[in-house]
Amino acid sequence: MFDFQRQHPVAAVSRAFSLIKGNLVTIIVFLVVGARSESFPFLWWIGGGFAFLLVVGVANWWRFLFKIEEGELHIKSGIFVRKNLYLSKDRVQVIDITSGVIQRLFGLVRVDIQTAGSSSREAAIDAISLDKAREINRLLRDEDSESEEGEESVSQVESAKKEFGLPGKELLIAASTSGSFGIALSILATVFSQVEPLISESELFEYVFEILPSQTDVVFFVTVIVIFVVFAWLLSFFSTLFSYGNFSLTVKEKEMVITRGIFEKKRVTVPYNRIQAIHVAEGMIRQPLGYTSLHLESAGYGDEKGTGSIVLFPLVKRSEVLQLLNEVVPSYQKEMDGLKLPKRALRRYLFRSTFFITAAIVPLYFWLSLNNWIWLIPALAMLWGWLKYRAAAVGWNEGSFIFRSRTLSKSTAFINRNRIQNITISQSPFQRWRKLCTAEIHVASGDRGKSFSVRDLEARTGVELMREMKIKKGSDEISEPFENSDRILKLPGWNQAAN
């Protein structure tokens, strides 16, 4: 691979579809405008748009060249502005080989070369053969030694691996309780806002109104809301089902490999020395059912948004989390003593959760003569504030920290001490008056980093956290024990599954 090469021509089509996916809302707007325009036929909008995207895709394919020479990947790209990207072998952290729907039709794969601090989109080869992808992986990671070993050593490597899958039952539960429901609902709302004029002109609203059993405005709007919710849930359900179908987590000696996807196969390789933190998310629907999802933050991985967050396991029973983590990332301390918030912090959580909602409802209640049921909203907001107060806690020992908090979902973060970039203790004037503080830990993750915080800790606890960070690893200095109080608890507080 010492001479510049082009990708397979199907990369032009793949690029065009990527542009469509990334600009879907804009394309819908143009299509709606074209459908309503009498001077510019609708089919011209569709045909012209796709022709333009295809031309852009072909131009990108033609101008994209790559080669590997002396352990360095050189990529030339750009239609008008020529870009040269150089990635040396010693900077490469992860090489992912995946296959989307278009690539699989032609027996091709996509290669993402990822380095710490750069996202995969800057070093991606969209369409090449699997043999060529393996050759790139070998040249940039020096992994040819394994292929040259005998069958006996290969079998030993294979037997040392652990593999975890997602059973069909858990996959269906994960799809049914997916947190992407809100995203799907917002997408449908955006699309509906653009096509609503067309629906009005087609008299669809009048038709639906006529077939309803009770022709009232309330029934009509409730029906529309139910339809939206059902479609959003179905979109979320199938999106999660297709994304995490055929899920597997393979544990190797120095790295883990996560594969998932039914139509679009994705494979993420994460070296253990790049993992910065593990956090467990308990969603609003999953928590009562006893299920969670596991995520990790990686310094060497970046997605399209620049984040380094990766789904480690999409759904696992809460009682089995610690057992799974012990097998996958045994270097992380999983249980330790911690401190919950002081009682005087409760009023601050309740105030933040209810003030703005109550301030908005009071004038609406009197001006619009609303029903008394409207006061359920501030009551639910107060309950939510109480739940956030109960969830908040911090814990630490010689080498690890646990930060637990809640926004919509309850998050429990496990952070090794040597992965922490910095820790911040802050106080607002009101917190200073109440002798409280906010603690925030920062770790490297993707391009932007990741932080975990707990609000309204005891001020003394914040001081102890800062002091703990100053104690060097391996030092003879001993961490101070927690003060004797009824606020001591065991973190994370889950029961391990029986062996």
Protein backbone atom coordinates (compact mmCIF):
# COMPACT_ATOMS: atom_id res chain seq x y z
CA MET A 1 0.00 0.00 0.00
CA PHE A 2 2.84 2.36 -0.81
CA ASP A 3 0.97 4.05 -3.70
CA PHE A 4 -2.16 6.17 -3.41
CA GLN A 5 -5.37 4.19 -3.85
CA ARG A 6 -9.04 5.01 -4.26
CA GLN A 7 -11.96 3.43 -2.50
CA HIS A 8 -14.49 1.22 -4.25
CA PRO A 9 -16.86 3.35 -6.41
CA VAL A 10 -19.76 2.40 -4.15
CA ALA A 11 -18.24 4.89 -1.68
CA ALA A 12 -19.86 7.62 -3.81
CA VAL A 13 -23.32 6.20 -3.08
CA SER A 14 -22.44 5.68 0.57
CA ARG A 15 -21.32 9.30 0.83
CA ALA A 16 -24.56 10.49 -0.78
CA PHE A 17 -26.65 8.55 1.72
CA SER A 18 -24.53 9.92 4.58
CA LEU A 19 -25.31 13.44 3.37
CA ILE A 20 -29.02 12.60 3.25
CA LYS A 21 -28.93 11.18 6.78
CA GLY A 22 -27.05 14.17 8.16
CA ASN A 23 -29.40 16.71 6.53
CA LEU A 24 -32.69 14.84 6.73
CA VAL A 25 -34.75 17.65 8.29
CA THR A 26 -33.47 20.21 5.76
CA ILE A 27 -34.27 17.85 2.88
CA ILE A 28 -37.81 17.34 4.20
CA VAL A 29 -38.32 21.11 4.33
CA PHE A 30 -37.19 21.50 0.71
CA LEU A 31 -39.42 18.64 -0.38
CA VAL A 32 -42.42 20.19 1.35
CA VAL A 33 -41.70 23.56 -0.26
CA GLY A 34 -41.30 21.89 -3.63
CA ALA A 35 -44.56 19.97 -3.22
CA ARG A 36 -46.45 23.22 -2.54
CA SER A 37 -44.79 25.22 -5.30
CA GLU A 38 -46.71 25.52 -8.58
CA SER A 39 -43.81 27.09 -10.46
CA PHE A 40 -41.31 24.35 -9.61
CA PRO A 41 -42.70 20.77 -9.94
CA PHE A 42 -42.35 18.43 -6.98
CA LEU A 43 -40.54 15.71 -8.95
CA TRP A 44 -37.88 18.22 -9.99
CA TRP A 45 -37.11 18.86 -6.33
CA ILE A 46 -36.69 15.16 -5.68
CA GLY A 47 -34.72 14.34 -8.83
CA GLY A 48 -32.56 17.45 -8.64
CA GLY A 49 -31.75 16.92 -4.98
CA PHE A 50 -30.70 13.32 -5.40
CA ALA A 51 -28.72 14.12 -8.55
CA PHE A 52 -26.85 16.87 -6.69
CA LEU A 53 -26.04 14.56 -3.75
CA LEU A 54 -24.85 11.85 -6.13
CA VAL A 55 -22.57 14.31 -7.93
CA VAL A 56 -21.13 15.42 -4.58
CA GLY A 57 -20.64 11.77 -3.61
CA VAL A 58 -18.82 10.97 -6.86
CA ALA A 59 -16.62 14.05 -6.48
CA ASN A 60 -15.74 13.08 -2.92
CA TRP A 61 -14.91 9.54 -4.02
CA TRP A 62 -12.69 10.73 -6.87
CA ARG A 63 -10.80 13.22 -4.71
CA PHE A 64 -10.30 10.79 -1.81
CA LEU A 65 -6.93 9.00 -1.89
CA PHE A 66 -5.10 7.03 0.77
CA LYS A 67 -1.86 5.14 1.25
CA ILE A 68 0.24 3.64 4.06
CA GLU A 69 3.98 4.12 3.97
CA GLU A 70 6.50 3.43 6.72
CA GLY A 71 3.83 3.05 9.39
CA GLU A 72 1.98 6.26 8.49
CA LEU A 73 -1.48 6.64 6.97
CA HIS A 74 -1.77 9.52 4.50
CA ILE A 75 -5.27 10.58 3.37
CA LYS A 76 -6.00 13.24 0.74
CA SER A 77 -9.58 14.51 0.60
CA GLY A 78 -11.67 17.57 -0.24
CA ILE A 79 -13.38 18.69 -3.46
CA PHE A 80 -12.27 22.33 -3.61
CA VAL A 81 -10.10 22.67 -0.51
CA ARG A 82 -7.47 19.92 -0.50
CA LYS A 83 -6.86 18.35 2.92
CA ASN A 84 -3.95 16.13 3.90
CA LEU A 85 -4.28 13.97 7.00
CA TYR A 86 -1.29 12.11 8.42
CA LEU A 87 -1.73 9.49 11.15
CA SER A 88 1.38 7.76 12.44
CA LYS A 89 1.21 4.22 13.75
CA ASP A 90 2.14 5.16 17.30
CA ARG A 91 -0.85 7.53 17.57
CA VAL A 92 -3.49 5.04 16.44
CA GLN A 93 -5.62 3.85 19.35
CA VAL A 94 -8.53 2.01 17.74
CA ILE A 95 -9.21 0.58 14.28
CA ASP A 96 -12.84 -0.39 13.73
CA ILE A 97 -14.02 -2.45 10.77
CA THR A 98 -17.77 -2.14 10.19
CA SER A 99 -20.20 -2.85 7.37
CA GLY A 100 -23.29 -0.83 6.63
CA VAL A 101 -26.21 -1.86 4.46
CA ILE A 102 -24.65 -0.53 1.23
CA GLN A 103 -21.21 -1.99 1.96
CA ARG A 104 -22.64 -5.43 2.73
CA LEU A 105 -24.46 -5.53 -0.62
CA PHE A 106 -21.09 -5.34 -2.37
CA GLY A 107 -19.04 -7.39 0.12
CA LEU A 108 -17.20 -4.31 1.39
CA VAL A 109 -16.45 -2.79 4.80
CA ARG A 110 -15.77 0.62 6.34
CA VAL A 111 -12.60 1.32 8.32
CA ASP A 112 -12.46 3.93 11.10
CA ILE A 113 -9.00 4.84 12.35
CA GLN A 114 -9.27 6.60 15.69
CA THR A 115 -6.68 8.45 17.71
CA ALA A 116 -6.86 10.16 21.10
CA GLY A 117 -8.38 13.59 20.67
CA SER A 118 -9.65 13.14 17.11
CA SER A 119 -12.97 11.82 15.92
CA SER A 120 -13.34 8.88 13.61
CA ARG A 121 -14.93 10.90 10.80
CA GLU A 122 -11.55 12.52 10.05
CA ALA A 123 -9.91 9.17 9.32
CA ALA A 124 -12.56 6.98 7.74
CA ILE A 125 -12.34 4.87 4.59
CA ASP A 126 -15.92 4.17 3.53
CA ALA A 127 -15.71 1.26 1.09
CA ILE A 128 -12.85 -1.21 0.67
CA SER A 129 -12.56 -4.98 0.62
CA LEU A 130 -12.27 -6.93 3.87
CA ASP A 131 -8.80 -8.21 2.93
CA LYS A 132 -7.55 -4.69 2.34
CA ALA A 133 -9.09 -3.56 5.65
CA ARG A 134 -7.27 -6.34 7.48
CA GLU A 135 -4.06 -5.33 5.75
CA ILE A 136 -4.50 -1.74 6.98
CA ASN A 137 -5.14 -3.05 10.47
CA ARG A 138 -1.97 -5.18 10.29
CA LEU A 139 0.25 -2.37 8.98
CA LEU A 140 -0.93 0.16 11.55
CA ARG A 141 -1.08 -2.10 14.59
CA ASP A 142 1.61 -4.74 13.96
CA GLU A 143 -0.80 -7.59 14.55
CA ASP A 144 0.69 -9.95 11.98
CA SER A 145 2.41 -12.02 14.66
CA GLU A 146 -0.83 -13.63 15.71
CA SER A 147 -1.66 -14.77 12.16
CA GLU A 148 1.78 -16.32 11.82
CA GLU A 149 1.51 -18.45 14.96
CA GLY A 150 0.59 -22.09 14.87
CA GLU A 151 -2.87 -23.50 15.37
CA GLU A 152 -2.10 -24.42 18.96
CA SER A 153 -1.23 -20.87 20.04
CA VAL A 154 -4.25 -19.50 18.18
CA SER A 155 -6.55 -21.88 20.01
CA GLN A 156 -5.02 -20.79 23.30
CA VAL A 157 -5.74 -17.14 22.47
CA GLU A 158 -9.31 -18.00 21.56
CA SER A 159 -9.89 -19.99 24.76
CA ALA A 160 -8.69 -17.02 26.83
CA LYS A 161 -11.52 -14.83 25.54
CA LYS A 162 -14.88 -14.23 27.20
CA GLU A 163 -17.94 -13.41 25.19
CA PHE A 164 -21.27 -12.01 26.38
CA GLY A 165 -24.41 -11.78 24.29
CA LEU A 166 -27.79 -10.12 24.63
CA PRO A 167 -30.62 -12.70 24.73
CA GLY A 168 -33.74 -12.07 22.69
CA LYS A 169 -35.87 -11.34 25.76
CA GLU A 170 -33.49 -8.65 27.02
CA LEU A 171 -33.24 -7.19 23.50
CA LEU A 172 -37.02 -6.79 23.34
CA ILE A 173 -37.09 -5.21 26.81
CA ALA A 174 -34.26 -2.84 25.80
CA ALA A 175 -36.16 -1.83 22.66
CA SER A 176 -39.44 -1.39 24.55
CA THR A 177 -37.89 0.79 27.26
CA SER A 178 -35.40 2.69 25.13
CA GLY A 179 -34.48 6.21 26.20
CA SER A 180 -34.58 7.30 22.56
CA PHE A 181 -38.39 7.65 22.79
CA GLY A 182 -38.07 11.38 23.44
CA ILE A 183 -35.73 11.79 20.47
CA ALA A 184 -38.15 9.90 18.23
CA LEU A 185 -41.02 12.08 19.45
CA SER A 186 -39.09 15.27 18.66
CA ILE A 187 -38.23 13.94 15.16
CA LEU A 188 -41.89 13.19 14.47
CA ALA A 189 -42.91 16.62 15.74
CA THR A 190 -40.38 18.28 13.43
CA VAL A 191 -41.54 16.27 10.43
CA PHE A 192 -45.20 16.90 11.26
CA SER A 193 -44.64 20.66 11.51
CA GLN A 194 -43.33 20.59 7.93
CA VAL A 195 -45.97 18.35 6.37
CA GLU A 196 -48.96 19.66 8.36
CA PRO A 197 -50.00 22.10 5.58
CA LEU A 198 -50.14 19.20 3.11
CA ILE A 199 -52.25 17.13 5.52
CA SER A 200 -54.63 20.06 6.03
CA GLU A 201 -55.07 20.50 2.29
CA SER A 202 -55.79 16.77 1.85
CA GLU A 203 -58.66 17.00 4.38
CA LEU A 204 -57.18 14.16 6.43
CA PHE A 205 -58.06 15.92 9.69
CA GLU A 206 -61.72 16.11 8.68
CA TYR A 207 -61.76 12.42 7.78
CA VAL A 208 -60.27 11.40 11.14
CA PHE A 209 -62.67 13.73 12.94
CA GLU A 210 -65.67 12.11 11.23
CA ILE A 211 -64.75 8.52 12.14
CA LEU A 212 -64.20 9.26 15.83
CA PRO A 213 -66.98 7.94 18.09
CA SER A 214 -67.45 11.30 19.82
CA GLN A 215 -66.97 14.37 17.68
CA THR A 216 -65.45 16.74 20.22
CA ASP A 217 -62.29 18.79 20.11
CA VAL A 218 -60.96 17.09 23.25
CA VAL A 219 -61.32 13.59 21.79
CA PHE A 220 -59.74 14.74 18.54
CA PHE A 221 -56.64 16.22 20.17
CA VAL A 222 -56.27 13.27 22.54
CA THR A 223 -56.41 10.93 19.54
CA VAL A 224 -53.72 12.92 17.73
CA ILE A 225 -51.49 12.83 20.83
CA VAL A 226 -51.97 9.07 21.22
CA ILE A 227 -51.11 8.51 17.55
CA PHE A 228 -47.95 10.57 17.95
CA VAL A 229 -46.91 8.67 21.07
CA VAL A 230 -47.55 5.28 19.45
CA PHE A 231 -45.59 6.17 16.31
CA ALA A 232 -42.72 7.61 18.37
CA TRP A 233 -42.60 4.45 20.49
CA LEU A 234 -42.60 2.25 17.38
CA LEU A 235 -39.80 4.35 15.85
CA SER A 236 -37.79 4.08 19.08
CA PHE A 237 -38.53 0.36 19.39
CA PHE A 238 -37.38 -0.64 15.91
CA SER A 239 -34.43 1.76 15.96
CA THR A 240 -33.10 0.12 19.14
CA LEU A 241 -33.96 -3.36 17.87
CA PHE A 242 -32.00 -2.87 14.66
CA SER A 243 -29.12 -1.06 16.39
CA TYR A 244 -28.48 -3.65 19.12
CA GLY A 245 -29.54 -6.85 17.41
CA ASN A 246 -26.76 -9.47 17.26
CA PHE A 247 -25.04 -7.71 20.16
CA SER A 248 -21.90 -9.30 21.56
CA LEU A 249 -19.17 -8.18 23.95
CA THR A 250 -15.85 -10.01 23.54
CA VAL A 251 -13.25 -9.64 26.29
CA LYS A 252 -9.62 -10.08 25.23
CA GLU A 253 -6.36 -9.72 27.06
CA LYS A 254 -5.72 -6.05 26.22
CA GLU A 255 -8.99 -4.85 24.72
CA MET A 256 -12.70 -5.47 24.41
CA VAL A 257 -14.65 -5.71 21.16
CA ILE A 258 -18.30 -4.61 20.95
CA THR A 259 -20.30 -5.66 17.89
CA ARG A 260 -23.93 -4.85 17.21
CA GLY A 261 -26.44 -4.18 14.46
CA ILE A 262 -28.78 -6.17 12.22
CA PHE A 263 -28.70 -4.23 8.96
CA GLU A 264 -25.71 -2.03 9.71
CA LYS A 265 -22.97 -3.99 11.45
CA LYS A 266 -20.83 -1.95 13.83
CA ARG A 267 -17.69 -3.07 15.60
CA VAL A 268 -15.97 -0.99 18.27
CA THR A 269 -12.61 -1.98 19.74
CA VAL A 270 -11.72 -0.39 23.08
CA PRO A 271 -8.27 -0.95 24.65
CA TYR A 272 -8.47 -1.22 28.44
CA ASN A 273 -5.83 1.45 28.90
CA ARG A 274 -8.12 3.98 27.17
CA ILE A 275 -11.15 3.47 29.45
CA GLN A 276 -11.63 6.55 31.62
CA ALA A 277 -14.83 5.79 33.51
CA ILE A 278 -17.75 3.38 33.72
CA HIS A 279 -21.24 4.63 34.45
CA VAL A 280 -24.50 2.78 34.97
CA ALA A 281 -27.74 4.42 33.80
CA GLU A 282 -31.09 3.48 35.33
CA GLY A 283 -33.85 5.00 33.18
CA MET A 284 -37.26 6.02 34.44
CA ILE A 285 -38.94 2.94 32.97
CA ARG A 286 -36.09 0.47 33.44
CA GLN A 287 -35.37 1.24 37.10
CA PRO A 288 -38.73 -0.07 38.44
CA LEU A 289 -38.20 -3.19 36.32
CA GLY A 290 -34.76 -3.76 37.83
CA TYR A 291 -32.77 -3.17 34.60
CA THR A 292 -29.90 -0.82 33.75
CA SER A 293 -27.58 -0.03 30.85
CA LEU A 294 -23.79 0.16 31.08
CA HIS A 295 -21.67 2.85 29.40
CA LEU A 296 -17.98 3.63 29.27
CA GLU A 297 -15.98 6.75 28.50
CA SER A 298 -12.95 6.30 26.26
CA ALA A 299 -10.14 8.76 25.57
CA GLY A 300 -9.36 7.17 22.22
CA TYR A 301 -12.84 7.07 20.72
CA GLY A 302 -14.85 9.85 19.14
CA ASP A 303 -18.21 9.62 17.43
CA GLU A 304 -19.80 12.12 15.04
CA LYS A 305 -20.65 14.41 17.96
CA GLY A 306 -17.14 14.30 19.38
CA THR A 307 -18.09 12.34 22.49
CA GLY A 308 -16.30 9.27 23.77
CA SER A 309 -19.30 7.57 25.34
CA ILE A 310 -19.86 3.96 24.27
CA VAL A 311 -22.68 1.59 25.22
CA LEU A 312 -20.85 -1.22 26.99
CA PHE A 313 -23.99 -3.31 27.51
CA PRO A 314 -27.47 -2.10 26.46
CA LEU A 315 -29.47 -3.95 29.11
CA VAL A 316 -28.54 -5.94 32.21
CA LYS A 317 -30.32 -6.76 35.45
CA ARG A 318 -29.29 -4.48 38.28
CA SER A 319 -28.50 -7.47 40.49
CA GLU A 320 -26.01 -8.74 37.85
CA VAL A 321 -24.18 -5.45 37.15
CA LEU A 322 -21.32 -5.96 39.61
CA GLN A 323 -20.77 -9.53 38.51
CA LEU A 324 -20.58 -8.45 34.85
CA LEU A 325 -18.21 -5.56 35.63
CA ASN A 326 -15.94 -7.87 37.62
CA GLU A 327 -15.55 -10.07 34.54
CA VAL A 328 -15.18 -7.24 32.01
CA VAL A 329 -13.26 -4.52 33.89
CA PRO A 330 -11.86 -6.15 37.05
CA SER A 331 -9.49 -3.22 37.69
CA TYR A 332 -12.39 -1.01 38.82
CA GLN A 333 -13.31 -0.97 42.50
CA LYS A 334 -17.05 -1.71 42.54
CA GLU A 335 -18.15 -1.29 46.18
CA MET A 336 -17.14 1.15 48.88
CA ASP A 337 -18.50 3.27 51.71
CA GLY A 338 -20.05 6.58 50.74
CA LEU A 339 -21.98 9.56 52.02
CA LYS A 340 -25.47 10.71 51.11
CA LEU A 341 -26.53 14.35 51.28
CA PRO A 342 -27.35 16.15 54.53
CA LYS A 343 -31.03 16.73 55.28
CA ARG A 344 -30.75 20.49 54.83
CA ALA A 345 -29.98 19.90 51.13
CA LEU A 346 -33.48 18.49 50.57
CA ARG A 347 -35.16 21.89 50.50
CA ARG A 348 -32.80 23.05 47.75
CA TYR A 349 -33.66 20.04 45.56
CA LEU A 350 -37.38 20.59 46.12
CA PHE A 351 -37.08 24.31 45.40
CA ARG A 352 -35.16 23.84 42.14
CA SER A 353 -37.61 21.20 40.91
CA THR A 354 -40.82 23.10 41.65
CA PHE A 355 -40.15 26.87 41.58
CA PHE A 356 -40.31 27.61 37.84
CA ILE A 357 -43.14 25.13 37.19
CA THR A 358 -45.24 26.55 40.03
CA ALA A 359 -44.47 30.12 38.96
CA ALA A 360 -45.81 29.34 35.49
CA ILE A 361 -48.91 27.43 36.64
CA VAL A 362 -50.19 29.98 39.20
CA PRO A 363 -51.00 32.78 36.71
CA LEU A 364 -52.32 30.29 34.13
CA TYR A 365 -54.60 28.73 36.74
CA PHE A 366 -56.29 32.05 37.55
CA TRP A 367 -56.25 33.64 34.09
CA LEU A 368 -57.52 30.59 32.20
CA SER A 369 -59.65 29.11 35.03
CA LEU A 370 -57.92 25.75 34.73
CA ASN A 371 -59.07 22.60 36.49
CA ASN A 372 -57.64 21.81 39.93
CA TRP A 373 -55.97 18.73 38.45
CA ILE A 374 -53.28 21.10 37.13
CA TRP A 375 -51.75 21.14 40.62
CA LEU A 376 -50.65 17.54 40.09
CA ILE A 377 -47.78 18.91 37.98
CA PRO A 378 -46.06 20.78 40.87
CA ALA A 379 -46.72 17.76 43.11
CA LEU A 380 -44.97 15.45 40.62
CA ALA A 381 -42.13 17.97 40.30
CA MET A 382 -41.72 17.92 44.08
CA LEU A 383 -41.60 14.11 44.01
CA TRP A 384 -38.94 14.29 41.31
CA GLY A 385 -36.86 16.65 43.44
CA TRP A 386 -37.09 14.24 46.35
CA LEU A 387 -35.97 11.35 44.13
CA LYS A 388 -32.96 13.37 42.94
CA TYR A 389 -32.06 14.14 46.55
CA ARG A 390 -32.26 10.48 47.54
CA ALA A 391 -30.12 9.36 44.59
CA ALA A 392 -27.24 11.79 45.18
CA ALA A 393 -24.19 10.34 46.96
CA VAL A 394 -20.39 10.18 46.72
CA GLY A 395 -17.86 7.61 47.85
CA TRP A 396 -14.12 7.04 47.59
CA ASN A 397 -11.29 4.85 48.74
CA GLU A 398 -7.57 4.69 48.02
CA GLY A 399 -7.88 4.24 44.26
CA SER A 400 -11.45 4.87 43.12
CA PHE A 401 -14.42 7.23 43.30
CA ILE A 402 -18.16 6.66 42.93
CA PHE A 403 -20.44 9.59 42.01
CA ARG A 404 -24.18 8.95 42.00
CA SER A 405 -26.80 11.45 40.85
CA ARG A 406 -30.04 11.77 38.90
CA THR A 407 -31.41 14.00 36.19
CA LEU A 408 -33.99 12.00 34.21
CA SER A 409 -32.16 8.71 34.75
CA LYS A 410 -30.17 7.65 37.78
CA SER A 411 -26.44 7.55 37.00
CA THR A 412 -23.73 5.77 39.00
CA ALA A 413 -20.19 6.54 37.81
CA PHE A 414 -17.10 4.48 38.68
CA ILE A 415 -13.88 6.46 38.16
CA ASN A 416 -10.36 5.21 38.81
CA ARG A 417 -8.24 7.79 40.53
CA ASN A 418 -5.45 7.74 37.92
CA ARG A 419 -7.99 8.59 35.17
CA ILE A 420 -9.23 11.82 36.71
CA GLN A 421 -8.19 14.97 34.86
CA ASN A 422 -9.29 17.32 37.63
CA ILE A 423 -11.86 17.75 40.37
CA THR A 424 -13.76 20.99 40.99
CA ILE A 425 -15.46 22.06 44.23
CA SER A 426 -17.71 25.10 43.85
CA GLN A 427 -20.10 27.05 46.07
CA SER A 428 -22.87 29.48 45.18
CA PRO A 429 -23.74 32.21 47.72
CA PHE A 430 -26.74 30.18 48.89
CA GLN A 431 -24.65 27.02 49.22
CA ARG A 432 -22.03 28.94 51.20
CA TRP A 433 -24.77 30.13 53.56
CA ARG A 434 -26.00 26.54 54.04
CA LYS A 435 -22.44 25.13 54.21
CA LEU A 436 -22.94 23.03 51.08
CA CYS A 437 -20.99 22.63 47.84
CA THR A 438 -21.02 21.01 44.39
CA ALA A 439 -18.36 18.45 43.45
CA GLU A 440 -17.51 17.73 39.80
CA ILE A 441 -15.02 15.22 38.42
CA HIS A 442 -13.64 15.55 34.86
CA VAL A 443 -12.23 12.72 32.75
CA ALA A 444 -10.94 12.57 29.19
CA SER A 445 -13.57 11.35 26.74
CA GLY A 446 -13.58 11.77 22.97
CA ASP A 447 -12.97 15.36 21.88
CA ARG A 448 -14.89 17.18 24.61
CA GLY A 449 -14.34 15.29 27.83
CA LYS A 450 -16.91 14.08 30.33
CA SER A 451 -17.85 15.25 33.80
CA PHE A 452 -19.81 13.75 36.70
CA SER A 453 -21.17 15.96 39.45
CA VAL A 454 -23.14 15.84 42.68
CA ARG A 455 -24.85 18.98 43.99
CA ASP A 456 -25.32 20.17 47.60
CA LEU A 457 -22.77 17.98 49.33
CA GLU A 458 -21.66 18.81 52.84
CA ALA A 459 -18.92 21.45 52.53
CA ARG A 460 -16.63 19.30 54.66
CA THR A 461 -17.12 16.42 52.22
CA GLY A 462 -15.92 18.66 49.39
CA VAL A 463 -12.78 19.52 51.35
CA GLU A 464 -12.12 15.81 51.94
CA LEU A 465 -12.53 15.10 48.23
CA MET A 466 -9.95 17.76 47.37
CA ARG A 467 -7.58 16.41 50.00
CA GLU A 468 -8.05 12.88 48.67
CA MET A 469 -6.99 13.99 45.20
CA LYS A 470 -3.79 15.54 46.60
CA ILE A 471 -2.70 12.25 48.16
CA LYS A 472 -0.40 10.63 45.66
CA LYS A 473 -0.94 7.02 44.71
CA GLY A 474 1.27 4.74 46.79
CA SER A 475 1.82 7.43 49.42
CA ASP A 476 2.08 6.47 53.08
CA GLU A 477 -0.51 9.11 53.90
CA ILE A 478 -3.82 7.52 54.86
CA SER A 479 -7.20 8.81 53.76
CA GLU A 480 -9.37 10.17 56.54
CA PRO A 481 -12.35 7.96 57.35
CA PHE A 482 -15.87 9.28 56.97
CA GLU A 483 -17.27 11.09 59.94
CA ASN A 484 -19.52 9.01 62.16
CA SER A 485 -23.08 9.84 61.14
CA ASP A 486 -26.26 8.30 59.84
CA ARG A 487 -25.35 9.49 56.31
CA ILE A 488 -22.89 6.66 55.67
CA LEU A 489 -24.15 4.14 53.13
CA LYS A 490 -22.82 1.36 50.94
CA LEU A 491 -22.27 2.30 47.30
CA PRO A 492 -23.49 1.44 44.74
CA GLY A 493 -26.01 -0.42 46.88
CA TRP A 494 -26.88 -3.30 44.54
CA ASN A 495 -26.90 -6.92 45.58
CA GLN A 496 -24.63 -9.21 43.62
CA ALA A 497 -26.22 -12.16 41.93
CA ALA A 498 -25.75 -15.41 43.70
CA ASN A 499 -23.00 -17.57 42.27
